Each structure stands twice: as structure tokens, then as C-alpha cells.
C-alpha atoms as a PDB file:
ATOM      1  CA  MET A   1      29.229  -3.665   8.207  1.00  0.00           C
ATOM      2  CA  THR A   2      27.241  -4.846  11.245  1.00  0.00           C
ATOM      3  CA  PHE A   3      24.154  -7.021  11.035  1.00  0.00           C
ATOM      4  CA  PHE A   4      21.926  -4.049  11.867  1.00  0.00           C
ATOM      5  CA  GLY A   5      23.709  -1.899   9.319  1.00  0.00           C
ATOM      6  CA  ALA A   6      23.186  -4.501   6.623  1.00  0.00           C
ATOM      7  CA  ALA A   7      19.544  -4.893   7.592  1.00  0.00           C
ATOM      8  CA  ALA A   8      19.029  -1.135   7.489  1.00  0.00           C
ATOM      9  CA  ALA A   9      20.540  -0.967   4.017  1.00  0.00           C
ATOM     10  CA  TYR A  10      18.232  -3.754   2.858  1.00  0.00           C
ATOM     11  CA  TYR A  11      15.153  -2.065   4.284  1.00  0.00           C
ATOM     12  CA  LYS A  12      16.037   1.237   2.611  1.00  0.00           C
ATOM     13  CA  SER A  13      16.601  -0.399  -0.754  1.00  0.00           C
ATOM     14  CA  GLN A  14      13.204  -2.091  -0.566  1.00  0.00           C
ATOM     15  CA  ALA A  15      11.220   0.831   0.856  1.00  0.00           C
ATOM     16  CA  GLU A  16       9.924   2.263  -2.397  1.00  0.00           C
ATOM     17  CA  MET A  17       8.956  -1.161  -3.707  1.00  0.00           C
ATOM     18  CA  TYR A  18       6.904  -1.902  -0.584  1.00  0.00           C
ATOM     19  CA  LYS A  19       5.299   1.523  -0.723  1.00  0.00           C
ATOM     20  CA  GLU A  20       4.168   1.010  -4.311  1.00  0.00           C
ATOM     21  CA  ARG A  21       2.726  -2.412  -3.521  1.00  0.00           C
ATOM     22  CA  ALA A  22       0.752  -0.998  -0.604  1.00  0.00           C
ATOM     23  CA  GLU A  23      -0.966   1.782  -2.584  1.00  0.00           C
ATOM     24  CA  VAL A  24      -4.722   1.982  -2.208  1.00  0.00           C
ATOM     25  CA  PRO A  25      -6.369  -0.242  -4.859  1.00  0.00           C
ATOM     26  CA  ALA A  26      -8.793   1.056  -7.454  1.00  0.00           C
ATOM     27  CA  THR A  27     -12.459   1.327  -6.506  1.00  0.00           C
ATOM     28  CA  ALA A  28     -13.441  -1.826  -8.417  1.00  0.00           C
ATOM     29  CA  ALA A  29     -10.662  -3.844  -6.775  1.00  0.00           C
ATOM     30  CA  ALA A  30     -11.599  -2.521  -3.349  1.00  0.00           C
ATOM     31  CA  ALA A  31     -15.218  -3.486  -3.906  1.00  0.00           C
ATOM     32  CA  ALA A  32     -14.195  -6.994  -4.991  1.00  0.00           C
ATOM     33  CA  LEU A  33     -12.020  -7.375  -1.891  1.00  0.00           C
ATOM     34  CA  SER A  34     -14.886  -6.226   0.305  1.00  0.00           C
ATOM     35  CA  ALA A  35     -17.162  -8.818  -1.254  1.00  0.00           C
ATOM     36  CA  ARG A  36     -14.579 -11.543  -0.666  1.00  0.00           C
ATOM     37  CA  GLU A  37     -14.171 -10.443   2.946  1.00  0.00           C
ATOM     38  CA  ARG A  38     -17.927 -10.723   3.500  1.00  0.00           C
ATOM     39  CA  GLU A  39     -17.985 -14.139   1.856  1.00  0.00           C
ATOM     40  CA  LEU A  40     -15.108 -15.410   4.004  1.00  0.00           C
ATOM     41  CA  GLN A  41     -16.643 -13.962   7.160  1.00  0.00           C
ATOM     42  CA  ALA A  42     -19.898 -15.780   6.408  1.00  0.00           C
ATOM     43  CA  THR A  43     -17.920 -19.018   6.052  1.00  0.00           C
ATOM     44  CA  VAL A  44     -16.123 -18.419   9.351  1.00  0.00           C
ATOM     45  CA  ASP A  45     -19.397 -17.665  11.135  1.00  0.00           C
ATOM     46  CA  ARG A  46     -20.927 -20.860   9.730  1.00  0.00           C
ATOM     47  CA  LEU A  47     -18.001 -22.938  10.956  1.00  0.00           C
ATOM     48  CA  ARG A  48     -18.028 -21.306  14.370  1.00  0.00           C
ATOM     49  CA  ALA A  49     -21.692 -22.154  14.793  1.00  0.00           C
ATOM     50  CA  ALA A  50     -21.179 -25.739  13.623  1.00  0.00           C
ATOM     51  CA  LEU A  51     -18.119 -26.374  15.765  1.00  0.00           C
ATOM     52  CA  GLY A  52     -19.016 -24.259  18.777  1.00  0.00           C
ATOM     53  CA  THR A  53     -15.568 -22.641  18.777  1.00  0.00           C
ATOM     54  CA  ALA A  54     -14.273 -19.075  18.695  1.00  0.00           C
ATOM     55  CA  GLU A  55     -12.113 -19.797  15.632  1.00  0.00           C
ATOM     56  CA  PRO A  56     -12.512 -22.742  13.231  1.00  0.00           C
ATOM     57  CA  PRO A  57      -9.371 -24.830  12.686  1.00  0.00           C
ATOM     58  CA  LEU A  58      -7.946 -24.302   9.215  1.00  0.00           C
ATOM     59  CA  ILE A  59      -8.155 -28.032   8.522  1.00  0.00           C
ATOM     60  CA  VAL A  60     -11.934 -27.759   8.108  1.00  0.00           C
ATOM     61  CA  LEU A  61     -11.703 -25.049   5.425  1.00  0.00           C
ATOM     62  CA  THR A  62     -12.087 -26.056   1.793  1.00  0.00           C
ATOM     63  CA  ASN A  63      -9.223 -25.219  -0.547  1.00  0.00           C
ATOM     64  CA  SER A  64     -11.115 -22.239  -1.941  1.00  0.00           C
ATOM     65  CA  GLU A  65     -11.810 -20.949   1.571  1.00  0.00           C
ATOM     66  CA  LEU A  66      -8.170 -21.395   2.550  1.00  0.00           C
ATOM     67  CA  ARG A  67      -7.149 -19.558  -0.620  1.00  0.00           C
ATOM     68  CA  GLN A  68      -9.431 -16.678   0.352  1.00  0.00           C
ATOM     69  CA  LYS A  69      -7.895 -16.563   3.811  1.00  0.00           C
ATOM     70  CA  SER A  70      -4.393 -16.365   2.369  1.00  0.00           C
ATOM     71  CA  ASP A  71      -5.428 -13.747  -0.194  1.00  0.00           C
ATOM     72  CA  LEU A  72      -6.817 -11.551   2.592  1.00  0.00           C
ATOM     73  CA  LEU A  73      -3.791 -12.009   4.845  1.00  0.00           C
ATOM     74  CA  VAL A  74      -1.128 -11.061   2.291  1.00  0.00           C
ATOM     75  CA  PRO A  75      -2.260  -7.416   1.776  1.00  0.00           C
ATOM     76  CA  LYS A  76      -2.242  -6.877   5.549  1.00  0.00           C
ATOM     77  CA  LEU A  77       1.324  -8.140   5.765  1.00  0.00           C
ATOM     78  CA  ARG A  78       2.362  -5.956   2.833  1.00  0.00           C
ATOM     79  CA  GLN A  79       0.822  -2.908   4.503  1.00  0.00           C
ATOM     80  CA  LEU A  80       2.706  -3.623   7.724  1.00  0.00           C
ATOM     81  CA  LEU A  81       5.962  -3.922   5.809  1.00  0.00           C
ATOM     82  CA  ALA A  82       5.262  -0.804   3.720  1.00  0.00           C
ATOM     83  CA  ASN A  83       4.565   1.304   6.820  1.00  0.00           C
ATOM     84  CA  HIS A  84       7.718  -0.006   8.470  1.00  0.00           C
ATOM     85  CA  SER A  85       9.847   0.740   5.411  1.00  0.00           C
ATOM     86  CA  GLU A  86       8.430   4.256   5.066  1.00  0.00           C
ATOM     87  CA  ILE A  87       9.319   5.088   8.672  1.00  0.00           C
ATOM     88  CA  LEU A  88      12.866   3.862   8.094  1.00  0.00           C
ATOM     89  CA  ARG A  89      13.107   5.877   4.877  1.00  0.00           C
ATOM     90  CA  LEU A  90      12.041   9.078   6.618  1.00  0.00           C
ATOM     91  CA  ASN A  91      14.484   8.378   9.422  1.00  0.00           C
ATOM     92  CA  ASP A  92      17.278   8.037   6.882  1.00  0.00           C
ATOM     93  CA  GLU A  93      16.299  11.324   5.227  1.00  0.00           C
ATOM     94  CA  ARG A  94      16.361  13.134   8.577  1.00  0.00           C
ATOM     95  CA  GLU A  95      19.851  11.820   9.240  1.00  0.00           C
ATOM     96  CA  LYS A  96      21.126  12.834   5.792  1.00  0.00           C
ATOM     97  CA  SER A  97      19.677  16.344   6.152  1.00  0.00           C
ATOM     98  CA  GLY A  98      21.400  16.795   9.492  1.00  0.00           C
ATOM     99  CA  GLU A  99      18.114  17.080  11.387  1.00  0.00           C
ATOM    100  CA  ILE A 100      19.199  14.234  13.657  1.00  0.00           C
ATOM    101  CA  THR A 101      22.562  12.664  14.442  1.00  0.00           C
ATOM    102  CA  LYS A 102      23.722   9.284  13.230  1.00  0.00           C
ATOM    103  CA  GLU A 103      23.440   7.973  16.782  1.00  0.00           C
ATOM    104  CA  ARG A 104      19.865   9.202  17.126  1.00  0.00           C
ATOM    105  CA  ALA A 105      18.966   7.712  13.749  1.00  0.00           C
ATOM    106  CA  GLY A 106      20.310   4.371  14.953  1.00  0.00           C
ATOM    107  CA  GLU A 107      18.160   4.573  18.073  1.00  0.00           C
ATOM    108  CA  ILE A 108      15.050   5.363  16.027  1.00  0.00           C
ATOM    109  CA  TRP A 109      15.859   2.497  13.648  1.00  0.00           C
ATOM    110  CA  ALA A 110      16.102   0.017  16.538  1.00  0.00           C
ATOM    111  CA  GLN A 111      12.880   1.329  18.092  1.00  0.00           C
ATOM    112  CA  GLU A 112      11.011   0.969  14.803  1.00  0.00           C
ATOM    113  CA  VAL A 113      12.250  -2.578  14.248  1.00  0.00           C
ATOM    114  CA  ARG A 114      10.956  -3.482  17.716  1.00  0.00           C
ATOM    115  CA  ARG A 115       7.637  -1.708  17.100  1.00  0.00           C
ATOM    116  CA  ALA A 116       7.017  -3.402  13.754  1.00  0.00           C
ATOM    117  CA  GLY A 117       8.118  -6.742  15.160  1.00  0.00           C
ATOM    118  CA  ASN A 118       5.729  -6.423  18.081  1.00  0.00           C
ATOM    119  CA  GLU A 119       2.876  -5.541  15.730  1.00  0.00           C
ATOM    120  CA  TYR A 120       3.631  -8.623  13.639  1.00  0.00           C
ATOM    121  CA  ASP A 121       3.792 -10.799  16.757  1.00  0.00           C
ATOM    122  CA  GLN A 122       0.530  -9.517  18.180  1.00  0.00           C
ATOM    123  CA  LYS A 123      -1.552  -9.379  14.997  1.00  0.00           C
ATOM    124  CA  TYR A 124      -0.146 -11.688  12.355  1.00  0.00           C
ATOM    125  CA  ARG A 125       2.514 -14.198  13.449  1.00  0.00           C
ATOM    126  CA  ILE A 126       0.183 -17.017  14.496  1.00  0.00           C
ATOM    127  CA  ASP A 127      -2.186 -16.476  11.569  1.00  0.00           C
ATOM    128  CA  THR A 128       0.706 -16.389   9.098  1.00  0.00           C
ATOM    129  CA  GLN A 129       2.373 -19.539  10.371  1.00  0.00           C
ATOM    130  CA  MET A 130      -0.883 -21.493  10.673  1.00  0.00           C
ATOM    131  CA  THR A 131      -1.845 -20.507   7.125  1.00  0.00           C
ATOM    132  CA  ILE A 132       1.560 -21.601   5.816  1.00  0.00           C
ATOM    133  CA  ARG A 133       1.200 -24.914   7.652  1.00  0.00           C
ATOM    134  CA  ALA A 134      -2.279 -25.497   6.258  1.00  0.00           C
ATOM    135  CA  LEU A 135      -1.149 -24.713   2.707  1.00  0.00           C
ATOM    136  CA  THR A 136       1.967 -26.876   2.822  1.00  0.00           C
ATOM    137  CA  ALA A 137      -0.083 -29.779   4.211  1.00  0.00           C
ATOM    138  CA  ARG A 138      -2.254 -29.718   1.079  1.00  0.00           C
ATOM    139  CA  ILE A 139       0.467 -29.230  -1.536  1.00  0.00           C
ATOM    140  CA  PRO A 140       2.882 -32.088  -2.353  1.00  0.00           C
ATOM    141  CA  TYR A 141       6.474 -31.378  -1.415  1.00  0.00           C
ATOM    142  CA  ASP A 142       7.763 -31.835  -4.969  1.00  0.00           C
ATOM    143  CA  ALA A 143       5.386 -29.121  -6.163  1.00  0.00           C
ATOM    144  CA  ARG A 144       6.514 -26.583  -3.556  1.00  0.00           C
ATOM    145  CA  LYS A 145      10.141 -27.433  -2.852  1.00  0.00           C
ATOM    146  CA  HIS A 146      11.360 -24.539  -5.040  1.00  0.00           C
ATOM    147  CA  ILE A 147       9.609 -21.938  -2.882  1.00  0.00           C
ATOM    148  CA  VAL A 148      11.866 -19.939  -0.578  1.00  0.00           C
ATOM    149  CA  GLY A 149      10.872 -17.772   2.338  1.00  0.00           C
ATOM    150  CA  LEU A 150       8.673 -20.203   4.226  1.00  0.00           C
ATOM    151  CA  GLY A 151      11.236 -20.589   6.978  1.00  0.00           C
ATOM    152  CA  VAL A 152      14.216 -22.802   7.628  1.00  0.00           C
ATOM    153  CA  GLU A 153      13.149 -26.154   9.032  1.00  0.00           C
ATOM    154  CA  VAL A 154      15.402 -27.941  11.506  1.00  0.00           C
ATOM    155  CA  ARG A 155      14.923 -31.658  12.092  1.00  0.00           C
ATOM    156  CA  HIS A 156      15.076 -33.192  15.545  1.00  0.00           C
ATOM    157  CA  PRO A 157      18.577 -34.529  16.340  1.00  0.00           C
ATOM    158  CA  SER A 158      17.151 -38.034  16.637  1.00  0.00           C
ATOM    159  CA  GLY A 159      16.297 -38.000  12.946  1.00  0.00           C
ATOM    160  CA  ASN A 160      12.931 -39.538  13.726  1.00  0.00           C
ATOM    161  CA  PRO A 161      10.726 -38.807  10.680  1.00  0.00           C
ATOM    162  CA  GLU A 162       7.647 -38.803  12.927  1.00  0.00           C
ATOM    163  CA  THR A 163       8.997 -35.829  14.893  1.00  0.00           C
ATOM    164  CA  PRO A 164       7.844 -32.661  13.110  1.00  0.00           C
ATOM    165  CA  PRO A 165      10.610 -30.222  12.148  1.00  0.00           C
ATOM    166  CA  LEU A 166      11.052 -26.901  13.904  1.00  0.00           C
ATOM    167  CA  ASN A 167      10.436 -23.878  11.685  1.00  0.00           C
ATOM    168  CA  LEU A 168      12.782 -21.082  12.733  1.00  0.00           C
ATOM    169  CA  ASN A 169      10.324 -18.413  11.592  1.00  0.00           C
ATOM    170  CA  GLU A 170       8.003 -19.581  14.362  1.00  0.00           C
ATOM    171  CA  VAL A 171      10.496 -19.160  17.183  1.00  0.00           C
ATOM    172  CA  MET A 172      12.982 -16.468  16.136  1.00  0.00           C
ATOM    173  CA  PRO A 173      12.690 -12.937  17.613  1.00  0.00           C
ATOM    174  CA  SER A 174      10.262 -10.511  16.043  1.00  0.00           C
ATOM    175  CA  ALA A 175      13.082  -8.448  14.474  1.00  0.00           C
ATOM    176  CA  PHE A 176      14.119 -11.541  12.498  1.00  0.00           C
ATOM    177  CA  ALA A 177      10.532 -12.082  11.386  1.00  0.00           C
ATOM    178  CA  ILE A 178      10.258  -8.515  10.093  1.00  0.00           C
ATOM    179  CA  GLY A 179      13.530  -8.904   8.214  1.00  0.00           C
ATOM    180  CA  SER A 180      12.265 -12.025   6.460  1.00  0.00           C
ATOM    181  CA  LEU A 181       8.636 -10.973   6.061  1.00  0.00           C
ATOM    182  CA  GLU A 182       8.903 -10.062   2.378  1.00  0.00           C
ATOM    183  CA  PHE A 183      10.129 -13.585   1.634  1.00  0.00           C
ATOM    184  CA  MET A 184       7.265 -15.100   3.634  1.00  0.00           C
ATOM    185  CA  ILE A 185       4.779 -12.949   1.730  1.00  0.00           C
ATOM    186  CA  ARG A 186       6.188 -14.181  -1.572  1.00  0.00           C
ATOM    187  CA  GLY A 187       6.095 -17.755  -0.329  1.00  0.00           C
ATOM    188  CA  LEU A 188       2.476 -17.422   0.752  1.00  0.00           C
ATOM    189  CA  GLY A 189       1.541 -16.080  -2.656  1.00  0.00           C
ATOM    190  CA  GLU A 190       3.294 -18.905  -4.481  1.00  0.00           C
ATOM    191  CA  LEU A 191       1.780 -21.553  -2.216  1.00  0.00           C
ATOM    192  CA  THR A 192      -1.690 -20.143  -2.718  1.00  0.00           C
ATOM    193  CA  LYS A 193      -1.329 -20.373  -6.502  1.00  0.00           C
ATOM    194  CA  LEU A 194      -0.430 -24.053  -6.162  1.00  0.00           C
ATOM    195  CA  LEU A 195      -3.460 -24.921  -4.047  1.00  0.00           C
ATOM    196  CA  PRO A 196      -5.623 -27.339  -6.090  1.00  0.00           C
ATOM    197  CA  PRO A 197      -9.312 -26.657  -6.735  1.00  0.00           C
ATOM    198  CA  ASP A 198     -11.907 -28.078  -4.373  1.00  0.00           C
ATOM    199  CA  GLY A 199     -12.566 -31.747  -5.008  1.00  0.00           C
ATOM    200  CA  SER A 200      -9.153 -32.479  -6.504  1.00  0.00           C
ATOM    201  CA  PRO A 201      -7.619 -35.833  -5.449  1.00  0.00           C
END
């Protein structure tokens, strides 16, 4: 089986799970999310005014504010992945019914991977990676070393500990990012739970 074939099989097997996770929340939950969004936006506006910048650096956010940012980002990533998986599922159904040929289904699959990857690149890649960096900077390594999905880090050949490692999730093509997005979402969620309360040493 080719790489793309294996990836397609993975996407199809996960499609229903993503769809369920992306269902519209209950009214009470939606209202709570809206309130949190307003609260976070007020914080962002305050920081913009204080710093005179378009976007405040994450380092100036408190732990609770950073937690809010992560909690708002994760549902957006899940929705992107759910939409992507649903398109692939429908494409698979069309192929099985004979509506389209196997070759055409393969073309649609490749087009959708590129489309979803481009959407991730344009809307979420930088925000996702910066949020992961900010979270990992505040959580001791021993407390988070069990978490997978945050990206494979490659050290500089010199071995110099002062040279920051390269995270492959930050430089790999968008198709790779989409394929590993579910793992990043899980990692973000686990990191956020480990974030200590404001004022902790």
C-alpha cells in the first residue's frame, strides 16, 4: 500500500469520530464559549493598547489567559479536521457506488488534502505552533514528556544545547500537518490541562 493509500485509509477510519466531536454544542455550552471568547478578546485588546502592537506576544499572557487561547483554538482545529474527513468520506462513497472512477476519486482525495492543508497553513499553523511553544515553555519537561503529537524535534548536528531544536511540524508540507493534526490537537489538550494556575512557582 502506498503512503497516500495508507493515509486515505486512516482518514476514512477516523472520519466518523471527527464528525461526532465537531457536532454543534448545546445552547448552554455555546453561551459559555461565547462568554469566554468575549473575555479573551477583552484581554487581547488590553494588551494591544498597552504594548502598541497588532498582536500581543504569548509570553505576556497569564496562564489562565493562555489556557483560554488554547481552549478556543482546539475546537477550530477539530472543525477543520471534521470537514476534511467528511469530504473524504463522501468521496469514498461516490467511488464505491460507481459514481466516479477510482482514478477520479484519487484526484479528488489529493485535491482535498491540498485544500485542507492550505487552510491550516493560512489560518492555524502559526497560531498552533506558537501556542504549543508557549505551553511547553511553562510546563516542566518531566511533566509533559509522555505527550505525543507535539512534533518530532531534531537537534542541531553540533549538539549545542543552546541551539533550539527544529520541530518538524513547523516545516513539513501542509499535507503532513493535516495527517498529524489529530495528534497535535490531543497534545494541545493534554498540555493545557498541565498548565499551572496563575501565581504558581
